[in-house]
Amino acid sequence: GLLSLRVSVDGNDATRVLAKKVKSSRFKDQIRLIALNGVPLAGLNILDIEELSSSLKIPIMILTRKKPRLRAMSLAIKAATKNKDVAARKLAMLNKIKKVSRICKINGFYTQSI
């Protein structure tokens, strides 16, 4: 199935909103995997995939056609986020992703999972 949701552009609510959406879905007992097209939603609203997987007890897989450019995302967060504490939290989430998952290329897609 497919879930649709709205999050703040460049905000910090993606993890909370997605978790709430999955938990309230009538299909939640059937969900075995959450597949995402990248970690940022709505610009630089970064998902904490470790927290999401832990709170939902469901594995998370990120699939992209292009190799994730974590350094470029880090620079974009620093440039676009005026609040230093918010920027630090987003950068910490990106660094956590690097630590808990590795990037693999499979059949033309780059994957990361937790």
C-alpha atoms as a PDB file:
ATOM      1  CA  GLY A   1       0.000   0.000   0.000  1.00  0.00           C
ATOM      2  CA  LEU A   2       0.864   3.649  -0.096  1.00  0.00           C
ATOM      3  CA  LEU A   3       0.514   6.304   2.594  1.00  0.00           C
ATOM      4  CA  SER A   4       0.468  10.013   1.865  1.00  0.00           C
ATOM      5  CA  LEU A   5       1.225  12.707   4.422  1.00  0.00           C
ATOM      6  CA  ARG A   6       2.139  16.351   4.828  1.00  0.00           C
ATOM      7  CA  VAL A   7       5.164  17.650   6.700  1.00  0.00           C
ATOM      8  CA  SER A   8       6.646  21.115   7.120  1.00  0.00           C
ATOM      9  CA  VAL A   9       8.982  22.303   4.387  1.00  0.00           C
ATOM     10  CA  ASP A  10      12.512  22.296   5.865  1.00  0.00           C
ATOM     11  CA  GLY A  11      10.885  21.502   9.229  1.00  0.00           C
ATOM     12  CA  ASN A  12      11.634  18.873  11.840  1.00  0.00           C
ATOM     13  CA  ASP A  13       8.358  16.955  12.083  1.00  0.00           C
ATOM     14  CA  ALA A  14       8.860  14.221   9.457  1.00  0.00           C
ATOM     15  CA  THR A  15       9.661  11.393  11.890  1.00  0.00           C
ATOM     16  CA  ARG A  16       6.760  12.202  14.215  1.00  0.00           C
ATOM     17  CA  VAL A  17       4.220  12.699  11.413  1.00  0.00           C
ATOM     18  CA  LEU A  18       5.202   9.514   9.568  1.00  0.00           C
ATOM     19  CA  ALA A  19       5.140   7.434  12.760  1.00  0.00           C
ATOM     20  CA  LYS A  20       1.698   8.795  13.659  1.00  0.00           C
ATOM     21  CA  LYS A  21       0.401   8.106  10.135  1.00  0.00           C
ATOM     22  CA  VAL A  22       1.618   4.500  10.181  1.00  0.00           C
ATOM     23  CA  LYS A  23       0.293   3.859  13.702  1.00  0.00           C
ATOM     24  CA  SER A  24      -3.141   5.192  12.761  1.00  0.00           C
ATOM     25  CA  SER A  25      -3.331   3.287   9.468  1.00  0.00           C
ATOM     26  CA  ARG A  26      -5.923   0.561   9.259  1.00  0.00           C
ATOM     27  CA  PHE A  27      -3.212  -1.528   7.586  1.00  0.00           C
ATOM     28  CA  LYS A  28      -0.624  -1.145  10.387  1.00  0.00           C
ATOM     29  CA  ASP A  29      -0.736  -4.845  11.312  1.00  0.00           C
ATOM     30  CA  GLN A  30       0.044  -5.779   7.699  1.00  0.00           C
ATOM     31  CA  ILE A  31       3.023  -3.436   7.251  1.00  0.00           C
ATOM     32  CA  ARG A  32       6.275  -5.413   7.115  1.00  0.00           C
ATOM     33  CA  LEU A  33       8.587  -2.753   5.640  1.00  0.00           C
ATOM     34  CA  ILE A  34       8.578   0.996   5.083  1.00  0.00           C
ATOM     35  CA  ALA A  35      10.282   1.985   1.824  1.00  0.00           C
ATOM     36  CA  LEU A  36      11.236   5.630   1.327  1.00  0.00           C
ATOM     37  CA  ASN A  37      12.679   7.620  -1.543  1.00  0.00           C
ATOM     38  CA  GLY A  38      15.407   9.362   0.438  1.00  0.00           C
ATOM     39  CA  VAL A  39      15.814  10.581   4.013  1.00  0.00           C
ATOM     40  CA  PRO A  40      14.786  14.225   3.608  1.00  0.00           C
ATOM     41  CA  LEU A  41      11.103  14.976   3.064  1.00  0.00           C
ATOM     42  CA  ALA A  42       9.836  18.393   1.970  1.00  0.00           C
ATOM     43  CA  GLY A  43      13.247  19.902   1.418  1.00  0.00           C
ATOM     44  CA  LEU A  44      15.403  19.431   4.514  1.00  0.00           C
ATOM     45  CA  ASN A  45      12.899  17.804   6.885  1.00  0.00           C
ATOM     46  CA  ILE A  46      15.179  14.917   7.858  1.00  0.00           C
ATOM     47  CA  LEU A  47      13.746  11.569   8.971  1.00  0.00           C
ATOM     48  CA  ASP A  48      15.326   9.871  11.958  1.00  0.00           C
ATOM     49  CA  ILE A  49      15.112   6.382  10.493  1.00  0.00           C
ATOM     50  CA  GLU A  50      16.536   4.711  13.602  1.00  0.00           C
ATOM     51  CA  GLU A  51      13.885   6.322  15.833  1.00  0.00           C
ATOM     52  CA  LEU A  52      11.161   5.572  13.281  1.00  0.00           C
ATOM     53  CA  SER A  53      12.123   1.900  13.003  1.00  0.00           C
ATOM     54  CA  SER A  54      12.426   1.565  16.769  1.00  0.00           C
ATOM     55  CA  SER A  55       9.088   3.219  17.557  1.00  0.00           C
ATOM     56  CA  LEU A  56       7.193   1.264  14.886  1.00  0.00           C
ATOM     57  CA  LYS A  57       9.138  -2.002  15.235  1.00  0.00           C
ATOM     58  CA  ILE A  58       9.258  -2.126  11.424  1.00  0.00           C
ATOM     59  CA  PRO A  59      12.364  -2.137   9.208  1.00  0.00           C
ATOM     60  CA  ILE A  60      12.999   0.974   7.111  1.00  0.00           C
ATOM     61  CA  MET A  61      14.544   0.880   3.635  1.00  0.00           C
ATOM     62  CA  ILE A  62      15.665   3.933   1.702  1.00  0.00           C
ATOM     63  CA  LEU A  63      15.840   3.569  -2.084  1.00  0.00           C
ATOM     64  CA  THR A  64      17.262   6.208  -4.414  1.00  0.00           C
ATOM     65  CA  ARG A  65      18.371   6.260  -8.035  1.00  0.00           C
ATOM     66  CA  LYS A  66      21.297   8.557  -7.230  1.00  0.00           C
ATOM     67  CA  LYS A  67      23.927   7.940  -4.577  1.00  0.00           C
ATOM     68  CA  PRO A  68      23.050   9.853  -1.393  1.00  0.00           C
ATOM     69  CA  ARG A  69      25.232  12.920  -1.041  1.00  0.00           C
ATOM     70  CA  LEU A  70      25.363  13.274   2.736  1.00  0.00           C
ATOM     71  CA  ARG A  71      28.079  15.938   2.627  1.00  0.00           C
ATOM     72  CA  ALA A  72      25.995  18.056   0.236  1.00  0.00           C
ATOM     73  CA  MET A  73      22.950  17.603   2.502  1.00  0.00           C
ATOM     74  CA  SER A  74      25.029  18.646   5.503  1.00  0.00           C
ATOM     75  CA  LEU A  75      26.187  21.806   3.731  1.00  0.00           C
ATOM     76  CA  ALA A  76      22.598  22.575   2.658  1.00  0.00           C
ATOM     77  CA  ILE A  77      21.344  22.170   6.227  1.00  0.00           C
ATOM     78  CA  LYS A  78      24.035  24.505   7.553  1.00  0.00           C
ATOM     79  CA  ALA A  79      23.250  27.103   4.890  1.00  0.00           C
ATOM     80  CA  ALA A  80      19.449  26.933   5.081  1.00  0.00           C
ATOM     81  CA  THR A  81      18.836  26.490   8.814  1.00  0.00           C
ATOM     82  CA  LYS A  82      19.064  29.717  10.780  1.00  0.00           C
ATOM     83  CA  ASN A  83      18.598  28.109  14.195  1.00  0.00           C
ATOM     84  CA  LYS A  84      21.897  26.471  15.167  1.00  0.00           C
ATOM     85  CA  ASP A  85      20.228  23.960  17.542  1.00  0.00           C
ATOM     86  CA  VAL A  86      17.833  22.759  14.815  1.00  0.00           C
ATOM     87  CA  ALA A  87      20.727  22.480  12.364  1.00  0.00           C
ATOM     88  CA  ALA A  88      22.731  20.474  14.912  1.00  0.00           C
ATOM     89  CA  ARG A  89      19.817  18.034  15.430  1.00  0.00           C
ATOM     90  CA  LYS A  90      19.408  17.528  11.679  1.00  0.00           C
ATOM     91  CA  LEU A  91      23.153  16.997  11.229  1.00  0.00           C
ATOM     92  CA  ALA A  92      23.124  14.506  14.117  1.00  0.00           C
ATOM     93  CA  MET A  93      20.355  12.544  12.363  1.00  0.00           C
ATOM     94  CA  LEU A  94      22.396  12.411   9.143  1.00  0.00           C
ATOM     95  CA  ASN A  95      25.471  11.262  11.062  1.00  0.00           C
ATOM     96  CA  LYS A  96      23.392   8.605  12.833  1.00  0.00           C
ATOM     97  CA  ILE A  97      22.209   7.289   9.459  1.00  0.00           C
ATOM     98  CA  LYS A  98      25.845   6.940   8.356  1.00  0.00           C
ATOM     99  CA  LYS A  99      26.600   4.931  11.516  1.00  0.00           C
ATOM    100  CA  VAL A 100      23.608   2.566  11.502  1.00  0.00           C
ATOM    101  CA  SER A 101      23.316   1.790   7.788  1.00  0.00           C
ATOM    102  CA  ARG A 102      25.571   1.448   4.821  1.00  0.00           C
ATOM    103  CA  ILE A 103      24.898   2.401   1.238  1.00  0.00           C
ATOM    104  CA  CYS A 104      24.646  -0.484  -1.243  1.00  0.00           C
ATOM    105  CA  LYS A 105      23.988  -0.388  -4.976  1.00  0.00           C
ATOM    106  CA  ILE A 106      21.542  -3.026  -6.193  1.00  0.00           C
ATOM    107  CA  ASN A 107      20.157  -3.170  -9.737  1.00  0.00           C
ATOM    108  CA  GLY A 108      20.713   0.523 -10.361  1.00  0.00           C
ATOM    109  CA  PHE A 109      19.300   1.657  -6.987  1.00  0.00           C
ATOM    110  CA  TYR A 110      21.162   2.819  -3.934  1.00  0.00           C
ATOM    111  CA  THR A 111      19.775   1.345  -0.732  1.00  0.00           C
ATOM    112  CA  GLN A 112      20.141   1.934   2.965  1.00  0.00           C
ATOM    113  CA  SER A 113      18.226   0.025   5.585  1.00  0.00           C
ATOM    114  CA  ILE A 114      17.755  -0.337   9.289  1.00  0.00           C
END
